[in-house]
Amino acid sequence: MNSFEQKKMELEFRTFANRHFERPSDCRNADQIRFYVQELCQKISDYENRFSQAPAYAYVLLAQYNLAHNQLVHKEFVSSYC
């Protein structure tokens, strides 16, 4: 895959993510974040099957969702048990 195709794939994914995903910091609950993580993992898998690689931004977005999920779970844990 040449650099033009990589840029095209990256742009396609960013456009898709901006349309279909909410920012991780705007998510209200853990179920919503889990839904987005599942959709994102499916999209990454699709890219890996089609192109043998996924856009780097997909992994960055996945890390952001995981961070938001961990923070939300920690906050719920502290409010429940402390």
PDB file of N, CA and C in Angstrom:
ATOM      1  N   MET A   1       0.848  -1.166   0.000  1.00  0.00           N
ATOM      2  CA  MET A   1       0.000   0.000   0.000  1.00  0.00           C
ATOM      3  C   MET A   1       0.898   1.235   0.000  1.00  0.00           C
ATOM      4  N   ASN A   2       0.687   2.098  -0.972  1.00  0.00           N
ATOM      5  CA  ASN A   2       1.516   3.299  -1.059  1.00  0.00           C
ATOM      6  C   ASN A   2       0.958   4.402  -0.151  1.00  0.00           C
ATOM      7  N   SER A   3       1.678   5.505  -0.071  1.00  0.00           N
ATOM      8  CA  SER A   3       1.299   6.573   0.861  1.00  0.00           C
ATOM      9  C   SER A   3      -0.019   7.235   0.461  1.00  0.00           C
ATOM     10  N   PHE A   4      -0.295   7.328  -0.832  1.00  0.00           N
ATOM     11  CA  PHE A   4      -1.568   7.909  -1.273  1.00  0.00           C
ATOM     12  C   PHE A   4      -2.741   7.069  -0.774  1.00  0.00           C
ATOM     13  N   GLU A   5      -2.645   5.758  -0.906  1.00  0.00           N
ATOM     14  CA  GLU A   5      -3.717   4.875  -0.455  1.00  0.00           C
ATOM     15  C   GLU A   5      -3.872   4.925   1.062  1.00  0.00           C
ATOM     16  N   GLN A   6      -2.747   5.054   1.774  1.00  0.00           N
ATOM     17  CA  GLN A   6      -2.813   5.162   3.228  1.00  0.00           C
ATOM     18  C   GLN A   6      -3.517   6.451   3.641  1.00  0.00           C
ATOM     19  N   LYS A   7      -3.175   7.563   2.978  1.00  0.00           N
ATOM     20  CA  LYS A   7      -3.824   8.843   3.282  1.00  0.00           C
ATOM     21  C   LYS A   7      -5.318   8.771   2.973  1.00  0.00           C
ATOM     22  N   LYS A   8      -5.660   8.131   1.867  1.00  0.00           N
ATOM     23  CA  LYS A   8      -7.060   7.986   1.485  1.00  0.00           C
ATOM     24  C   LYS A   8      -7.820   7.170   2.519  1.00  0.00           C
ATOM     25  N   MET A   9      -7.216   6.072   2.968  1.00  0.00           N
ATOM     26  CA  MET A   9      -7.832   5.229   3.982  1.00  0.00           C
ATOM     27  C   MET A   9      -8.004   6.009   5.281  1.00  0.00           C
ATOM     28  N   GLU A  10      -6.994   6.751   5.674  1.00  0.00           N
ATOM     29  CA  GLU A  10      -7.045   7.545   6.899  1.00  0.00           C
ATOM     30  C   GLU A  10      -8.164   8.591   6.814  1.00  0.00           C
ATOM     31  N   LEU A  11      -8.257   9.279   5.689  1.00  0.00           N
ATOM     32  CA  LEU A  11      -9.288  10.297   5.496  1.00  0.00           C
ATOM     33  C   LEU A  11     -10.678   9.663   5.503  1.00  0.00           C
ATOM     34  N   GLU A  12     -10.815   8.528   4.853  1.00  0.00           N
ATOM     35  CA  GLU A  12     -12.096   7.814   4.830  1.00  0.00           C
ATOM     36  C   GLU A  12     -12.523   7.436   6.245  1.00  0.00           C
ATOM     37  N   PHE A  13     -11.576   6.953   7.043  1.00  0.00           N
ATOM     38  CA  PHE A  13     -11.920   6.556   8.409  1.00  0.00           C
ATOM     39  C   PHE A  13     -12.268   7.771   9.260  1.00  0.00           C
ATOM     40  N   ARG A  14     -11.523   8.850   9.134  1.00  0.00           N
ATOM     41  CA  ARG A  14     -11.819  10.048   9.926  1.00  0.00           C
ATOM     42  C   ARG A  14     -13.214  10.580   9.605  1.00  0.00           C
ATOM     43  N   THR A  15     -13.572  10.569   8.320  1.00  0.00           N
ATOM     44  CA  THR A  15     -14.902  11.014   7.905  1.00  0.00           C
ATOM     45  C   THR A  15     -15.966  10.116   8.507  1.00  0.00           C
ATOM     46  N   PHE A  16     -15.749   8.810   8.437  1.00  0.00           N
ATOM     47  CA  PHE A  16     -16.673   7.847   9.020  1.00  0.00           C
ATOM     48  C   PHE A  16     -16.810   8.070  10.526  1.00  0.00           C
ATOM     49  N   ALA A  17     -15.709   8.222  11.200  1.00  0.00           N
ATOM     50  CA  ALA A  17     -15.725   8.381  12.659  1.00  0.00           C
ATOM     51  C   ALA A  17     -16.427   9.680  13.062  1.00  0.00           C
ATOM     52  N   ASN A  18     -16.189  10.747  12.339  1.00  0.00           N
ATOM     53  CA  ASN A  18     -16.836  12.022  12.666  1.00  0.00           C
ATOM     54  C   ASN A  18     -18.353  11.947  12.488  1.00  0.00           C
ATOM     55  N   ARG A  19     -18.805  11.171  11.527  1.00  0.00           N
ATOM     56  CA  ARG A  19     -20.242  11.043  11.288  1.00  0.00           C
ATOM     57  C   ARG A  19     -20.928  10.102  12.268  1.00  0.00           C
ATOM     58  N   HIS A  20     -20.284   9.009  12.610  1.00  0.00           N
ATOM     59  CA  HIS A  20     -20.959   7.941  13.323  1.00  0.00           C
ATOM     60  C   HIS A  20     -20.584   7.777  14.794  1.00  0.00           C
ATOM     61  N   PHE A  21     -19.519   8.393  15.224  1.00  0.00           N
ATOM     62  CA  PHE A  21     -19.086   8.227  16.609  1.00  0.00           C
ATOM     63  C   PHE A  21     -19.173   9.542  17.352  1.00  0.00           C
ATOM     64  N   GLU A  22     -19.530   9.423  18.613  1.00  0.00           N
ATOM     65  CA  GLU A  22     -19.523  10.566  19.499  1.00  0.00           C
ATOM     66  C   GLU A  22     -18.135  10.661  20.140  1.00  0.00           C
ATOM     67  N   ARG A  23     -17.724  11.847  20.501  1.00  0.00           N
ATOM     68  CA  ARG A  23     -16.431  11.974  21.170  1.00  0.00           C
ATOM     69  C   ARG A  23     -16.464  11.194  22.474  1.00  0.00           C
ATOM     70  N   PRO A  24     -15.351  10.562  22.821  1.00  0.00           N
ATOM     71  CA  PRO A  24     -15.331   9.764  24.062  1.00  0.00           C
ATOM     72  C   PRO A  24     -15.705  10.569  25.304  1.00  0.00           C
ATOM     73  N   SER A  25     -15.323  11.830  25.349  1.00  0.00           N
ATOM     74  CA  SER A  25     -15.632  12.640  26.532  1.00  0.00           C
ATOM     75  C   SER A  25     -17.112  13.002  26.613  1.00  0.00           C
ATOM     76  N   ASP A  26     -17.863  12.863  25.526  1.00  0.00           N
ATOM     77  CA  ASP A  26     -19.292  13.176  25.521  1.00  0.00           C
ATOM     78  C   ASP A  26     -20.173  11.984  25.855  1.00  0.00           C
ATOM     79  N   CYS A  27     -19.602  10.806  25.999  1.00  0.00           N
ATOM     80  CA  CYS A  27     -20.378   9.606  26.285  1.00  0.00           C
ATOM     81  C   CYS A  27     -20.908   9.666  27.718  1.00  0.00           C
ATOM     82  N   ARG A  28     -22.153   9.241  27.886  1.00  0.00           N
ATOM     83  CA  ARG A  28     -22.829   9.370  29.177  1.00  0.00           C
ATOM     84  C   ARG A  28     -22.676   8.164  30.100  1.00  0.00           C
ATOM     85  N   ASN A  29     -22.581   6.971  29.518  1.00  0.00           N
ATOM     86  CA  ASN A  29     -22.517   5.787  30.382  1.00  0.00           C
ATOM     87  C   ASN A  29     -21.628   4.720  29.758  1.00  0.00           C
ATOM     88  N   ALA A  30     -21.355   3.701  30.547  1.00  0.00           N
ATOM     89  CA  ALA A  30     -20.428   2.643  30.122  1.00  0.00           C
ATOM     90  C   ALA A  30     -20.991   1.831  28.958  1.00  0.00           C
ATOM     91  N   ASP A  31     -22.301   1.641  28.928  1.00  0.00           N
ATOM     92  CA  ASP A  31     -22.901   0.878  27.819  1.00  0.00           C
ATOM     93  C   ASP A  31     -22.720   1.584  26.485  1.00  0.00           C
ATOM     94  N   GLN A  32     -22.851   2.882  26.492  1.00  0.00           N
ATOM     95  CA  GLN A  32     -22.646   3.656  25.268  1.00  0.00           C
ATOM     96  C   GLN A  32     -21.201   3.534  24.791  1.00  0.00           C
ATOM     97  N   ILE A  33     -20.269   3.613  25.708  1.00  0.00           N
ATOM     98  CA  ILE A  33     -18.861   3.483  25.348  1.00  0.00           C
ATOM     99  C   ILE A  33     -18.576   2.081  24.830  1.00  0.00           C
ATOM    100  N   ARG A  34     -19.130   1.068  25.495  1.00  0.00           N
ATOM    101  CA  ARG A  34     -18.941  -0.313  25.029  1.00  0.00           C
ATOM    102  C   ARG A  34     -19.478  -0.511  23.623  1.00  0.00           C
ATOM    103  N   PHE A  35     -20.611   0.109  23.304  1.00  0.00           N
ATOM    104  CA  PHE A  35     -21.170   0.021  21.959  1.00  0.00           C
ATOM    105  C   PHE A  35     -20.207   0.618  20.936  1.00  0.00           C
ATOM    106  N   TYR A  36     -19.672   1.799  21.230  1.00  0.00           N
ATOM    107  CA  TYR A  36     -18.738   2.437  20.311  1.00  0.00           C
ATOM    108  C   TYR A  36     -17.445   1.638  20.161  1.00  0.00           C
ATOM    109  N   VAL A  37     -16.974   1.058  21.249  1.00  0.00           N
ATOM    110  CA  VAL A  37     -15.764   0.231  21.178  1.00  0.00           C
ATOM    111  C   VAL A  37     -16.007  -0.988  20.303  1.00  0.00           C
ATOM    112  N   GLN A  38     -17.162  -1.611  20.465  1.00  0.00           N
ATOM    113  CA  GLN A  38     -17.495  -2.776  19.646  1.00  0.00           C
ATOM    114  C   GLN A  38     -17.577  -2.398  18.167  1.00  0.00           C
ATOM    115  N   GLU A  39     -18.235  -1.299  17.857  1.00  0.00           N
ATOM    116  CA  GLU A  39     -18.334  -0.847  16.464  1.00  0.00           C
ATOM    117  C   GLU A  39     -16.961  -0.509  15.900  1.00  0.00           C
ATOM    118  N   LEU A  40     -16.143   0.126  16.714  1.00  0.00           N
ATOM    119  CA  LEU A  40     -14.802   0.498  16.282  1.00  0.00           C
ATOM    120  C   LEU A  40     -13.943  -0.735  16.032  1.00  0.00           C
ATOM    121  N   CYS A  41     -14.046  -1.720  16.884  1.00  0.00           N
ATOM    122  CA  CYS A  41     -13.290  -2.964  16.687  1.00  0.00           C
ATOM    123  C   CYS A  41     -13.725  -3.669  15.407  1.00  0.00           C
ATOM    124  N   GLN A  42     -15.016  -3.654  15.115  1.00  0.00           N
ATOM    125  CA  GLN A  42     -15.496  -4.243  13.862  1.00  0.00           C
ATOM    126  C   GLN A  42     -14.947  -3.487  12.659  1.00  0.00           C
ATOM    127  N   LYS A  43     -14.908  -2.174  12.751  1.00  0.00           N
ATOM    128  CA  LYS A  43     -14.388  -1.364  11.641  1.00  0.00           C
ATOM    129  C   LYS A  43     -12.892  -1.623  11.451  1.00  0.00           C
ATOM    130  N   ILE A  44     -12.143  -1.733  12.540  1.00  0.00           N
ATOM    131  CA  ILE A  44     -10.713  -2.035  12.451  1.00  0.00           C
ATOM    132  C   ILE A  44     -10.508  -3.405  11.815  1.00  0.00           C
ATOM    133  N   SER A  45     -11.301  -4.364  12.241  1.00  0.00           N
ATOM    134  CA  SER A  45     -11.213  -5.704  11.666  1.00  0.00           C
ATOM    135  C   SER A  45     -11.520  -5.684  10.171  1.00  0.00           C
ATOM    136  N   ASP A  46     -12.500  -4.908   9.779  1.00  0.00           N
ATOM    137  CA  ASP A  46     -12.849  -4.768   8.369  1.00  0.00           C
ATOM    138  C   ASP A  46     -11.678  -4.192   7.570  1.00  0.00           C
ATOM    139  N   TYR A  47     -11.050  -3.150   8.106  1.00  0.00           N
ATOM    140  CA  TYR A  47      -9.886  -2.561   7.427  1.00  0.00           C
ATOM    141  C   TYR A  47      -8.732  -3.555   7.333  1.00  0.00           C
ATOM    142  N   GLU A  48      -8.505  -4.307   8.401  1.00  0.00           N
ATOM    143  CA  GLU A  48      -7.405  -5.276   8.380  1.00  0.00           C
ATOM    144  C   GLU A  48      -7.665  -6.394   7.380  1.00  0.00           C
ATOM    145  N   ASN A  49      -8.922  -6.782   7.234  1.00  0.00           N
ATOM    146  CA  ASN A  49      -9.251  -7.801   6.236  1.00  0.00           C
ATOM    147  C   ASN A  49      -9.138  -7.273   4.808  1.00  0.00           C
ATOM    148  N   ARG A  50      -9.566  -6.034   4.603  1.00  0.00           N
ATOM    149  CA  ARG A  50      -9.527  -5.456   3.252  1.00  0.00           C
ATOM    150  C   ARG A  50      -8.137  -4.994   2.844  1.00  0.00           C
ATOM    151  N   PHE A  51      -7.418  -4.333   3.737  1.00  0.00           N
ATOM    152  CA  PHE A  51      -6.150  -3.688   3.388  1.00  0.00           C
ATOM    153  C   PHE A  51      -4.940  -4.255   4.116  1.00  0.00           C
ATOM    154  N   SER A  52      -5.116  -5.205   4.988  1.00  0.00           N
ATOM    155  CA  SER A  52      -4.052  -5.782   5.825  1.00  0.00           C
ATOM    156  C   SER A  52      -3.454  -4.779   6.802  1.00  0.00           C
ATOM    157  N   GLN A  53      -4.163  -3.702   7.032  1.00  0.00           N
ATOM    158  CA  GLN A  53      -3.776  -2.722   8.051  1.00  0.00           C
ATOM    159  C   GLN A  53      -4.960  -1.813   8.322  1.00  0.00           C
ATOM    160  N   ALA A  54      -4.914  -1.141   9.433  1.00  0.00           N
ATOM    161  CA  ALA A  54      -5.972  -0.204   9.806  1.00  0.00           C
ATOM    162  C   ALA A  54      -5.353   1.171  10.000  1.00  0.00           C
ATOM    163  N   PRO A  55      -6.152   2.225   9.857  1.00  0.00           N
ATOM    164  CA  PRO A  55      -5.624   3.574  10.071  1.00  0.00           C
ATOM    165  C   PRO A  55      -5.136   3.755  11.505  1.00  0.00           C
ATOM    166  N   ALA A  56      -4.086   4.503  11.659  1.00  0.00           N
ATOM    167  CA  ALA A  56      -3.537   4.757  12.992  1.00  0.00           C
ATOM    168  C   ALA A  56      -4.542   5.489  13.869  1.00  0.00           C
ATOM    169  N   TYR A  57      -5.339   6.360  13.269  1.00  0.00           N
ATOM    170  CA  TYR A  57      -6.337   7.112  14.031  1.00  0.00           C
ATOM    171  C   TYR A  57      -7.373   6.185  14.665  1.00  0.00           C
ATOM    172  N   ALA A  58      -7.637   5.051  14.045  1.00  0.00           N
ATOM    173  CA  ALA A  58      -8.592   4.092  14.608  1.00  0.00           C
ATOM    174  C   ALA A  58      -8.092   3.592  15.958  1.00  0.00           C
ATOM    175  N   TYR A  59      -6.817   3.313  16.050  1.00  0.00           N
ATOM    176  CA  TYR A  59      -6.248   2.846  17.314  1.00  0.00           C
ATOM    177  C   TYR A  59      -6.189   3.967  18.344  1.00  0.00           C
ATOM    178  N   VAL A  60      -5.961   5.186  17.892  1.00  0.00           N
ATOM    179  CA  VAL A  60      -5.959   6.336  18.799  1.00  0.00           C
ATOM    180  C   VAL A  60      -7.359   6.521  19.375  1.00  0.00           C
ATOM    181  N   LEU A  61      -8.372   6.451  18.511  1.00  0.00           N
ATOM    182  CA  LEU A  61      -9.749   6.591  18.957  1.00  0.00           C
ATOM    183  C   LEU A  61     -10.141   5.470  19.908  1.00  0.00           C
ATOM    184  N   LEU A  62      -9.706   4.261  19.618  1.00  0.00           N
ATOM    185  CA  LEU A  62      -9.976   3.127  20.496  1.00  0.00           C
ATOM    186  C   LEU A  62      -9.346   3.349  21.873  1.00  0.00           C
ATOM    187  N   ALA A  63      -8.141   3.858  21.902  1.00  0.00           N
ATOM    188  CA  ALA A  63      -7.470   4.148  23.176  1.00  0.00           C
ATOM    189  C   ALA A  63      -8.223   5.229  23.951  1.00  0.00           C
ATOM    190  N   GLN A  64      -8.744   6.235  23.250  1.00  0.00           N
ATOM    191  CA  GLN A  64      -9.508   7.288  23.913  1.00  0.00           C
ATOM    192  C   GLN A  64     -10.796   6.739  24.524  1.00  0.00           C
ATOM    193  N   TYR A  65     -11.476   5.856  23.789  1.00  0.00           N
ATOM    194  CA  TYR A  65     -12.688   5.239  24.334  1.00  0.00           C
ATOM    195  C   TYR A  65     -12.358   4.362  25.538  1.00  0.00           C
ATOM    196  N   ASN A  66     -11.276   3.623  25.474  1.00  0.00           N
ATOM    197  CA  ASN A  66     -10.882   2.781  26.609  1.00  0.00           C
ATOM    198  C   ASN A  66     -10.557   3.624  27.833  1.00  0.00           C
ATOM    199  N   LEU A  67      -9.888   4.752  27.621  1.00  0.00           N
ATOM    200  CA  LEU A  67      -9.578   5.655  28.724  1.00  0.00           C
ATOM    201  C   LEU A  67     -10.859   6.222  29.329  1.00  0.00           C
ATOM    202  N   ALA A  68     -11.779   6.656  28.477  1.00  0.00           N
ATOM    203  CA  ALA A  68     -13.048   7.201  28.970  1.00  0.00           C
ATOM    204  C   ALA A  68     -13.826   6.132  29.734  1.00  0.00           C
ATOM    205  N   HIS A  69     -13.805   4.908  29.242  1.00  0.00           N
ATOM    206  CA  HIS A  69     -14.508   3.807  29.919  1.00  0.00           C
ATOM    207  C   HIS A  69     -13.886   3.541  31.284  1.00  0.00           C
ATOM    208  N   ASN A  70     -12.574   3.478  31.338  1.00  0.00           N
ATOM    209  CA  ASN A  70     -11.894   3.229  32.620  1.00  0.00           C
ATOM    210  C   ASN A  70     -12.180   4.336  33.624  1.00  0.00           C
ATOM    211  N   GLN A  71     -12.186   5.573  33.175  1.00  0.00           N
ATOM    212  CA  GLN A  71     -12.471   6.687  34.076  1.00  0.00           C
ATOM    213  C   GLN A  71     -13.904   6.627  34.588  1.00  0.00           C
ATOM    214  N   LEU A  72     -14.830   6.279  33.703  1.00  0.00           N
ATOM    215  CA  LEU A  72     -16.234   6.192  34.100  1.00  0.00           C
ATOM    216  C   LEU A  72     -16.452   5.045  35.088  1.00  0.00           C
ATOM    217  N   VAL A  73     -15.842   3.905  34.832  1.00  0.00           N
ATOM    218  CA  VAL A  73     -15.975   2.764  35.737  1.00  0.00           C
ATOM    219  C   VAL A  73     -15.356   3.096  37.095  1.00  0.00           C
ATOM    220  N   HIS A  74     -14.222   3.756  37.092  1.00  0.00           N
ATOM    221  CA  HIS A  74     -13.578   4.142  38.351  1.00  0.00           C
ATOM    222  C   HIS A  74     -14.463   5.110  39.132  1.00  0.00           C
ATOM    223  N   LYS A  75     -15.029   6.070  38.441  1.00  0.00           N
ATOM    224  CA  LYS A  75     -15.897   7.052  39.085  1.00  0.00           C
ATOM    225  C   LYS A  75     -17.124   6.370  39.690  1.00  0.00           C
ATOM    226  N   GLU A  76     -17.724   5.431  38.966  1.00  0.00           N
ATOM    227  CA  GLU A  76     -18.887   4.698  39.488  1.00  0.00           C
ATOM    228  C   GLU A  76     -18.497   3.823  40.676  1.00  0.00           C
ATOM    229  N   PHE A  77     -17.309   3.227  40.611  1.00  0.00           N
ATOM    230  CA  PHE A  77     -16.833   2.391  41.711  1.00  0.00           C
ATOM    231  C   PHE A  77     -16.647   3.228  42.977  1.00  0.00           C
ATOM    232  N   VAL A  78     -16.012   4.369  42.833  1.00  0.00           N
ATOM    233  CA  VAL A  78     -15.757   5.233  43.992  1.00  0.00           C
ATOM    234  C   VAL A  78     -17.072   5.717  44.590  1.00  0.00           C
ATOM    235  N   SER A  79     -18.015   6.096  43.742  1.00  0.00           N
ATOM    236  CA  SER A  79     -19.296   6.588  44.283  1.00  0.00           C
ATOM    237  C   SER A  79     -20.116   5.477  44.921  1.00  0.00           C
ATOM    238  N   SER A  80     -19.919   4.236  44.480  1.00  0.00           N
ATOM    239  CA  SER A  80     -20.679   3.116  45.039  1.00  0.00           C
ATOM    240  C   SER A  80     -20.088   2.556  46.324  1.00  0.00           C
ATOM    241  N   TYR A  81     -18.769   2.500  46.399  1.00  0.00           N
ATOM    242  CA  TYR A  81     -18.132   1.777  47.503  1.00  0.00           C
ATOM    243  C   TYR A  81     -17.352   2.650  48.481  1.00  0.00           C
ATOM    244  N   CYS A  82     -17.220   3.895  48.205  1.00  0.00           N
ATOM    245  CA  CYS A  82     -16.432   4.733  49.129  1.00  0.00           C
ATOM    246  C   CYS A  82     -17.275   5.751  49.829  1.00  0.00           C
TER     247      CYS A  82
END
